[in-house]
N, C-alpha and C. Protein backbone atom coordinates (compact mmCIF):
# COMPACT_ATOMS: atom_id res chain seq x y z
N MET A 1 41.37 -27.02 33.67
CA MET A 1 41.89 -28.06 34.54
C MET A 1 43.17 -27.56 35.21
N HIS A 2 43.27 -27.71 36.50
CA HIS A 2 44.44 -27.30 37.26
C HIS A 2 45.19 -28.54 37.73
N ARG A 3 46.52 -28.49 37.59
CA ARG A 3 47.36 -29.58 38.07
C ARG A 3 48.42 -29.01 38.98
N LYS A 4 48.71 -29.68 40.06
CA LYS A 4 49.78 -29.26 40.95
C LYS A 4 51.10 -29.74 40.36
N VAL A 5 51.99 -28.79 40.06
CA VAL A 5 53.30 -29.13 39.52
C VAL A 5 54.37 -28.95 40.58
N VAL A 6 54.35 -27.84 41.27
CA VAL A 6 55.38 -27.52 42.25
C VAL A 6 54.98 -28.10 43.59
N GLY A 7 55.82 -28.96 44.12
CA GLY A 7 55.56 -29.56 45.41
C GLY A 7 56.33 -28.87 46.51
N LYS A 8 56.79 -29.62 47.48
CA LYS A 8 57.48 -29.05 48.63
C LYS A 8 58.99 -29.15 48.52
N GLU A 9 59.51 -29.39 47.32
CA GLU A 9 60.94 -29.62 47.15
C GLU A 9 61.81 -28.42 47.53
N HIS A 10 61.27 -27.21 47.48
CA HIS A 10 62.05 -26.02 47.86
C HIS A 10 62.07 -25.83 49.37
N SER A 11 61.69 -26.81 50.13
CA SER A 11 61.59 -26.74 51.58
C SER A 11 60.58 -25.67 51.96
N SER A 12 60.78 -25.03 53.07
CA SER A 12 59.83 -24.01 53.51
C SER A 12 60.32 -22.60 53.17
N ARG A 13 61.39 -22.49 52.42
CA ARG A 13 61.94 -21.19 52.05
C ARG A 13 61.14 -20.59 50.90
N PRO A 14 61.04 -19.26 50.81
CA PRO A 14 60.26 -18.63 49.74
C PRO A 14 60.80 -18.92 48.35
N VAL A 15 59.89 -19.06 47.41
CA VAL A 15 60.23 -19.13 45.99
C VAL A 15 60.09 -17.71 45.47
N HIS A 16 61.18 -17.16 44.90
CA HIS A 16 61.19 -15.77 44.47
C HIS A 16 60.79 -15.57 43.02
N SER A 17 60.96 -16.59 42.19
CA SER A 17 60.69 -16.44 40.77
C SER A 17 60.34 -17.78 40.17
N ALA A 18 59.47 -17.76 39.17
CA ALA A 18 59.17 -18.95 38.38
C ALA A 18 58.91 -18.50 36.96
N THR A 19 59.45 -19.24 36.00
CA THR A 19 59.31 -18.85 34.60
C THR A 19 59.14 -20.09 33.72
N PHE A 20 58.30 -19.95 32.70
CA PHE A 20 58.10 -21.03 31.74
C PHE A 20 59.18 -21.01 30.67
N SER A 21 59.53 -22.19 30.19
CA SER A 21 60.38 -22.29 29.00
C SER A 21 59.57 -21.78 27.81
N PRO A 22 60.23 -21.41 26.70
CA PRO A 22 59.52 -20.82 25.57
C PRO A 22 58.35 -21.65 25.03
N ILE A 23 58.46 -22.97 25.06
CA ILE A 23 57.34 -23.77 24.56
C ILE A 23 56.45 -24.31 25.67
N GLY A 24 56.74 -23.93 26.92
CA GLY A 24 55.88 -24.28 28.04
C GLY A 24 56.04 -25.67 28.61
N GLU A 25 57.05 -26.38 28.17
CA GLU A 25 57.26 -27.75 28.63
C GLU A 25 57.91 -27.80 30.02
N PHE A 26 58.63 -26.74 30.39
CA PHE A 26 59.35 -26.70 31.66
C PHE A 26 59.05 -25.41 32.40
N ILE A 27 59.28 -25.47 33.71
CA ILE A 27 59.25 -24.29 34.57
C ILE A 27 60.54 -24.31 35.36
N ASN A 28 61.18 -23.15 35.50
CA ASN A 28 62.30 -22.99 36.41
C ASN A 28 61.82 -22.15 37.58
N SER A 29 62.22 -22.52 38.78
CA SER A 29 61.90 -21.72 39.96
C SER A 29 63.19 -21.43 40.73
N SER A 30 63.23 -20.25 41.33
CA SER A 30 64.41 -19.85 42.13
C SER A 30 63.95 -19.58 43.54
N SER A 31 64.84 -19.83 44.50
CA SER A 31 64.40 -19.83 45.88
C SER A 31 65.43 -19.29 46.86
N ALA A 32 64.92 -18.96 48.03
CA ALA A 32 65.77 -18.56 49.15
C ALA A 32 66.59 -19.74 49.67
N ASP A 33 66.27 -20.96 49.22
CA ASP A 33 67.06 -22.12 49.66
C ASP A 33 68.34 -22.29 48.84
N LEU A 34 68.70 -21.27 48.03
CA LEU A 34 69.93 -21.18 47.25
C LEU A 34 69.90 -22.02 45.97
N THR A 35 68.74 -22.54 45.60
CA THR A 35 68.66 -23.44 44.45
C THR A 35 67.77 -22.89 43.34
N ILE A 36 67.94 -23.52 42.18
CA ILE A 36 67.05 -23.36 41.03
C ILE A 36 66.54 -24.76 40.73
N ARG A 37 65.26 -24.88 40.52
CA ARG A 37 64.70 -26.20 40.23
C ARG A 37 64.03 -26.18 38.87
N LEU A 38 64.28 -27.24 38.11
CA LEU A 38 63.66 -27.44 36.81
C LEU A 38 62.51 -28.43 36.97
N TRP A 39 61.33 -28.00 36.53
CA TRP A 39 60.11 -28.79 36.67
C TRP A 39 59.58 -29.16 35.29
N SER A 40 59.00 -30.33 35.18
CA SER A 40 58.32 -30.77 33.96
C SER A 40 56.83 -30.50 34.11
N THR A 41 56.25 -29.77 33.16
CA THR A 41 54.81 -29.54 33.20
C THR A 41 54.05 -30.78 32.72
N LYS A 42 54.73 -31.64 31.98
CA LYS A 42 54.08 -32.87 31.49
C LYS A 42 54.06 -33.95 32.56
N LEU A 43 55.17 -34.07 33.29
CA LEU A 43 55.29 -35.12 34.31
C LEU A 43 54.85 -34.66 35.70
N ASN A 44 54.59 -33.35 35.84
CA ASN A 44 54.24 -32.79 37.16
C ASN A 44 55.30 -33.12 38.20
N ALA A 45 56.58 -32.96 37.80
CA ALA A 45 57.66 -33.38 38.70
C ALA A 45 58.87 -32.46 38.60
N ASN A 46 59.62 -32.43 39.70
CA ASN A 46 60.90 -31.74 39.74
C ASN A 46 61.94 -32.65 39.10
N LEU A 47 62.61 -32.16 38.06
CA LEU A 47 63.58 -32.98 37.32
C LEU A 47 65.01 -32.80 37.82
N VAL A 48 65.40 -31.55 38.10
CA VAL A 48 66.78 -31.25 38.47
C VAL A 48 66.79 -30.14 39.52
N CYS A 49 67.74 -30.23 40.43
CA CYS A 49 68.00 -29.16 41.39
C CYS A 49 69.40 -28.62 41.11
N TYR A 50 69.48 -27.37 40.65
CA TYR A 50 70.77 -26.74 40.33
C TYR A 50 71.25 -25.97 41.55
N LYS A 51 72.50 -26.23 41.93
CA LYS A 51 73.11 -25.55 43.08
C LYS A 51 74.37 -24.85 42.62
N GLY A 52 74.66 -23.71 43.22
CA GLY A 52 75.86 -22.98 42.86
C GLY A 52 75.90 -21.61 43.50
N HIS A 53 74.74 -21.00 43.64
CA HIS A 53 74.69 -19.70 44.32
C HIS A 53 74.93 -19.90 45.81
N ASN A 54 75.54 -18.91 46.44
CA ASN A 54 75.87 -18.99 47.86
C ASN A 54 74.84 -18.32 48.76
N TYR A 55 73.90 -17.63 48.15
CA TYR A 55 72.84 -16.92 48.88
C TYR A 55 71.54 -17.08 48.09
N PRO A 56 70.41 -16.57 48.60
CA PRO A 56 69.14 -16.72 47.89
C PRO A 56 69.20 -16.30 46.43
N VAL A 57 68.47 -17.05 45.61
CA VAL A 57 68.39 -16.79 44.17
C VAL A 57 67.12 -15.98 43.93
N TRP A 58 67.28 -14.75 43.44
CA TRP A 58 66.15 -13.83 43.29
C TRP A 58 65.38 -14.03 42.00
N ASP A 59 66.06 -14.36 40.91
CA ASP A 59 65.37 -14.41 39.62
C ASP A 59 66.01 -15.48 38.74
N VAL A 60 65.20 -16.05 37.86
CA VAL A 60 65.67 -17.01 36.86
C VAL A 60 64.85 -16.79 35.60
N GLN A 61 65.51 -16.82 34.44
CA GLN A 61 64.84 -16.59 33.15
C GLN A 61 65.39 -17.54 32.10
N PHE A 62 64.49 -18.17 31.35
CA PHE A 62 64.89 -18.98 30.20
C PHE A 62 65.30 -18.08 29.05
N SER A 63 66.25 -18.53 28.25
CA SER A 63 66.57 -17.85 26.99
C SER A 63 65.46 -18.16 25.99
N THR A 64 65.43 -17.41 24.90
CA THR A 64 64.42 -17.68 23.87
C THR A 64 64.68 -19.02 23.18
N VAL A 65 65.91 -19.50 23.26
CA VAL A 65 66.24 -20.82 22.73
C VAL A 65 65.62 -21.90 23.62
N GLY A 66 65.57 -21.65 24.92
CA GLY A 66 64.92 -22.56 25.85
C GLY A 66 65.82 -23.54 26.55
N HIS A 67 66.92 -23.92 25.95
CA HIS A 67 67.83 -24.89 26.55
C HIS A 67 68.71 -24.25 27.63
N TYR A 68 68.87 -22.94 27.55
CA TYR A 68 69.70 -22.19 28.49
C TYR A 68 68.83 -21.32 29.38
N PHE A 69 69.35 -21.05 30.57
CA PHE A 69 68.66 -20.13 31.46
C PHE A 69 69.69 -19.36 32.26
N ALA A 70 69.27 -18.25 32.82
CA ALA A 70 70.15 -17.38 33.59
C ALA A 70 69.52 -17.13 34.95
N SER A 71 70.37 -17.01 35.96
CA SER A 71 69.90 -16.75 37.32
C SER A 71 70.71 -15.61 37.94
N CYS A 72 70.14 -15.02 38.98
CA CYS A 72 70.86 -13.98 39.72
C CYS A 72 70.53 -14.10 41.20
N SER A 73 71.42 -13.54 42.02
CA SER A 73 71.35 -13.86 43.44
C SER A 73 71.83 -12.73 44.35
N HIS A 74 71.50 -12.92 45.61
CA HIS A 74 72.00 -12.07 46.69
C HIS A 74 73.53 -12.17 46.80
N ASP A 75 74.13 -13.19 46.21
CA ASP A 75 75.59 -13.36 46.26
C ASP A 75 76.33 -12.44 45.27
N ARG A 76 75.59 -11.53 44.63
CA ARG A 76 76.14 -10.51 43.72
C ARG A 76 76.58 -11.07 42.37
N THR A 77 76.11 -12.26 42.03
CA THR A 77 76.48 -12.86 40.75
C THR A 77 75.25 -13.16 39.90
N ALA A 78 75.52 -13.30 38.60
CA ALA A 78 74.57 -13.86 37.65
C ALA A 78 75.24 -15.09 37.07
N ARG A 79 74.45 -16.07 36.70
CA ARG A 79 75.01 -17.31 36.18
C ARG A 79 74.22 -17.77 34.97
N ILE A 80 74.94 -18.33 34.01
CA ILE A 80 74.33 -18.93 32.82
C ILE A 80 74.39 -20.44 32.99
N TRP A 81 73.29 -21.09 32.73
CA TRP A 81 73.17 -22.53 32.91
C TRP A 81 72.66 -23.18 31.62
N SER A 82 72.95 -24.46 31.48
CA SER A 82 72.37 -25.29 30.43
C SER A 82 71.56 -26.38 31.12
N MET A 83 70.41 -26.69 30.57
CA MET A 83 69.56 -27.69 31.22
C MET A 83 70.25 -29.03 31.40
N ASP A 84 71.21 -29.35 30.56
CA ASP A 84 71.86 -30.66 30.64
C ASP A 84 73.17 -30.66 31.44
N ARG A 85 73.45 -29.57 32.15
CA ARG A 85 74.65 -29.49 32.99
C ARG A 85 74.26 -29.08 34.40
N ILE A 86 74.82 -29.71 35.38
CA ILE A 86 74.48 -29.41 36.77
C ILE A 86 75.22 -28.18 37.29
N GLN A 87 76.36 -27.85 36.67
CA GLN A 87 77.15 -26.68 37.06
C GLN A 87 76.92 -25.54 36.07
N PRO A 88 77.06 -24.29 36.52
CA PRO A 88 76.86 -23.17 35.59
C PRO A 88 77.94 -23.12 34.51
N LEU A 89 77.55 -22.63 33.34
CA LEU A 89 78.49 -22.46 32.23
C LEU A 89 79.33 -21.20 32.41
N ARG A 90 78.72 -20.16 32.97
CA ARG A 90 79.39 -18.88 33.19
C ARG A 90 78.94 -18.29 34.51
N ILE A 91 79.85 -17.59 35.16
CA ILE A 91 79.53 -16.81 36.36
C ILE A 91 79.96 -15.38 36.09
N MET A 92 79.02 -14.45 36.18
CA MET A 92 79.31 -13.04 35.97
C MET A 92 79.28 -12.31 37.31
N ALA A 93 80.39 -11.68 37.63
CA ALA A 93 80.50 -10.94 38.89
C ALA A 93 80.98 -9.53 38.59
N GLY A 94 80.52 -8.58 39.39
CA GLY A 94 80.92 -7.20 39.20
C GLY A 94 80.00 -6.21 39.90
N HIS A 95 78.75 -6.63 40.14
CA HIS A 95 77.84 -5.75 40.87
C HIS A 95 78.35 -5.59 42.31
N LEU A 96 78.04 -4.45 42.90
CA LEU A 96 78.49 -4.15 44.26
C LEU A 96 77.48 -4.54 45.32
N SER A 97 76.33 -5.06 44.89
CA SER A 97 75.28 -5.49 45.81
C SER A 97 74.48 -6.61 45.14
N ASP A 98 73.37 -7.00 45.77
CA ASP A 98 72.52 -8.05 45.22
C ASP A 98 72.26 -7.85 43.74
N VAL A 99 72.20 -8.93 43.00
CA VAL A 99 71.69 -8.89 41.63
C VAL A 99 70.24 -9.36 41.73
N ASP A 100 69.32 -8.43 41.51
CA ASP A 100 67.90 -8.67 41.80
C ASP A 100 67.07 -9.17 40.63
N CYS A 101 67.49 -8.88 39.41
CA CYS A 101 66.71 -9.29 38.24
C CYS A 101 67.63 -9.52 37.05
N ILE A 102 67.13 -10.32 36.13
CA ILE A 102 67.94 -10.71 34.97
C ILE A 102 67.03 -10.88 33.76
N GLN A 103 67.56 -10.58 32.59
CA GLN A 103 66.77 -10.71 31.36
C GLN A 103 67.69 -11.00 30.18
N TRP A 104 67.25 -11.86 29.29
CA TRP A 104 67.99 -12.20 28.07
C TRP A 104 67.71 -11.19 26.97
N HIS A 105 68.72 -10.88 26.19
CA HIS A 105 68.54 -10.14 24.94
C HIS A 105 67.91 -11.11 23.94
N ALA A 106 67.19 -10.58 22.96
CA ALA A 106 66.49 -11.42 21.98
C ALA A 106 67.43 -12.35 21.21
N ASN A 107 68.68 -11.92 20.97
CA ASN A 107 69.60 -12.76 20.20
C ASN A 107 70.35 -13.78 21.07
N CYS A 108 70.11 -13.78 22.36
CA CYS A 108 70.71 -14.69 23.34
C CYS A 108 72.22 -14.52 23.49
N ASN A 109 72.79 -13.48 22.91
CA ASN A 109 74.23 -13.22 23.07
C ASN A 109 74.53 -12.37 24.30
N TYR A 110 73.49 -11.75 24.87
CA TYR A 110 73.67 -10.86 26.01
C TYR A 110 72.60 -11.12 27.05
N ILE A 111 72.95 -10.81 28.30
CA ILE A 111 71.94 -10.72 29.35
C ILE A 111 72.12 -9.38 30.03
N ALA A 112 71.04 -8.89 30.60
CA ALA A 112 71.08 -7.67 31.40
C ALA A 112 70.76 -8.05 32.84
N THR A 113 71.45 -7.40 33.77
CA THR A 113 71.19 -7.63 35.19
C THR A 113 70.90 -6.30 35.86
N GLY A 114 69.97 -6.31 36.80
CA GLY A 114 69.65 -5.14 37.60
C GLY A 114 70.00 -5.42 39.04
N SER A 115 70.49 -4.40 39.73
CA SER A 115 71.05 -4.64 41.06
C SER A 115 70.61 -3.60 42.09
N SER A 116 70.77 -3.99 43.34
CA SER A 116 70.59 -3.06 44.45
C SER A 116 71.66 -1.97 44.46
N ASP A 117 72.72 -2.15 43.67
CA ASP A 117 73.75 -1.10 43.57
C ASP A 117 73.33 0.03 42.62
N LYS A 118 72.06 -0.03 42.15
CA LYS A 118 71.45 1.01 41.31
C LYS A 118 71.97 1.04 39.88
N THR A 119 72.57 -0.07 39.43
CA THR A 119 73.05 -0.13 38.05
C THR A 119 72.39 -1.29 37.31
N VAL A 120 72.37 -1.13 35.99
CA VAL A 120 72.02 -2.22 35.08
C VAL A 120 73.29 -2.53 34.31
N ARG A 121 73.62 -3.80 34.21
CA ARG A 121 74.82 -4.19 33.47
C ARG A 121 74.42 -5.10 32.31
N LEU A 122 75.11 -4.91 31.20
CA LEU A 122 74.92 -5.76 30.03
C LEU A 122 76.14 -6.67 29.93
N TRP A 123 75.90 -7.97 29.82
CA TRP A 123 76.96 -8.98 29.85
C TRP A 123 76.99 -9.76 28.54
N ASP A 124 78.19 -10.06 28.08
CA ASP A 124 78.39 -10.95 26.94
C ASP A 124 78.29 -12.38 27.45
N VAL A 125 77.37 -13.14 26.91
CA VAL A 125 77.13 -14.50 27.39
C VAL A 125 78.31 -15.42 27.10
N GLN A 126 78.90 -15.32 25.92
CA GLN A 126 79.99 -16.22 25.55
C GLN A 126 81.22 -16.06 26.44
N GLY A 127 81.63 -14.82 26.68
CA GLY A 127 82.83 -14.59 27.46
C GLY A 127 82.59 -14.30 28.92
N GLY A 128 81.36 -13.91 29.27
CA GLY A 128 81.04 -13.59 30.65
C GLY A 128 81.47 -12.21 31.10
N GLU A 129 81.91 -11.36 30.15
CA GLU A 129 82.38 -10.02 30.52
C GLU A 129 81.24 -9.00 30.51
N CYS A 130 81.36 -8.03 31.40
CA CYS A 130 80.44 -6.89 31.39
C CYS A 130 80.85 -5.98 30.24
N VAL A 131 79.92 -5.68 29.34
CA VAL A 131 80.23 -4.85 28.17
C VAL A 131 79.66 -3.44 28.29
N ARG A 132 78.76 -3.23 29.26
CA ARG A 132 78.20 -1.89 29.44
C ARG A 132 77.56 -1.78 30.82
N ILE A 133 77.71 -0.60 31.42
CA ILE A 133 77.07 -0.32 32.71
C ILE A 133 76.18 0.90 32.52
N PHE A 134 74.91 0.75 32.88
CA PHE A 134 73.94 1.84 32.81
C PHE A 134 73.76 2.40 34.22
N ILE A 135 74.04 3.69 34.38
CA ILE A 135 73.93 4.33 35.69
C ILE A 135 72.85 5.42 35.64
N GLY A 136 72.46 5.90 36.80
CA GLY A 136 71.51 6.99 36.86
C GLY A 136 70.27 6.70 37.69
N HIS A 137 70.02 5.43 37.99
CA HIS A 137 68.88 5.10 38.84
C HIS A 137 69.16 5.57 40.27
N ARG A 138 68.12 5.97 40.96
CA ARG A 138 68.27 6.45 42.34
C ARG A 138 67.97 5.38 43.38
N SER A 139 67.53 4.24 42.91
CA SER A 139 67.20 3.16 43.82
C SER A 139 67.50 1.82 43.14
N MET A 140 67.30 0.76 43.86
CA MET A 140 67.57 -0.57 43.33
C MET A 140 66.71 -0.87 42.11
N ILE A 141 67.21 -1.73 41.24
CA ILE A 141 66.47 -2.16 40.05
C ILE A 141 65.89 -3.53 40.35
N VAL A 142 64.57 -3.65 40.29
CA VAL A 142 63.91 -4.90 40.67
C VAL A 142 63.27 -5.62 39.49
N SER A 143 63.26 -4.99 38.32
CA SER A 143 62.65 -5.61 37.15
C SER A 143 63.31 -5.09 35.89
N LEU A 144 63.45 -5.95 34.90
CA LEU A 144 64.03 -5.59 33.61
C LEU A 144 63.17 -6.16 32.50
N ALA A 145 63.18 -5.48 31.36
CA ALA A 145 62.54 -6.02 30.15
C ALA A 145 63.38 -5.61 28.96
N MET A 146 63.46 -6.48 27.98
CA MET A 146 64.15 -6.18 26.72
C MET A 146 63.12 -6.27 25.61
N SER A 147 63.27 -5.44 24.61
CA SER A 147 62.32 -5.48 23.50
C SER A 147 62.47 -6.80 22.74
N PRO A 148 61.37 -7.35 22.25
CA PRO A 148 61.43 -8.63 21.54
C PRO A 148 62.32 -8.61 20.29
N ASP A 149 62.47 -7.43 19.67
CA ASP A 149 63.31 -7.35 18.46
C ASP A 149 64.76 -7.02 18.78
N GLY A 150 65.09 -6.88 20.07
CA GLY A 150 66.47 -6.62 20.47
C GLY A 150 66.93 -5.19 20.30
N GLN A 151 66.04 -4.30 19.91
CA GLN A 151 66.41 -2.90 19.71
C GLN A 151 66.23 -2.11 20.99
């Protein structure tokens, strides 16, 4: 059985990413309209529109806990959000170009971001500081993955 969940709420701008929450109850989508939208798979409805990025939002990922999610954007930032807050909890800045992809560490204490500046950065979620920069790529980083065991 197929159900339409995502409607026209993102306007006519492209949706760049969509991800399920860990238990599948929600979907987050990120868009060129500068927003992240939280959708209910049970209600088939858009619940919240999160605003804060100044340029298109390229990627959004739920944490393994599910209540938190992270986004990244053409505005060179990554942001940590809580489903129950309309404003971001943390803003991480430091990349020299677009932040194209984002991924949570298994323990939810860190996120990794990949950028058009050819670096991957590891960020401390609690403080928002960059704790490590991985260099050596010859081109932009468009996808990231972390091992499920955090190793």
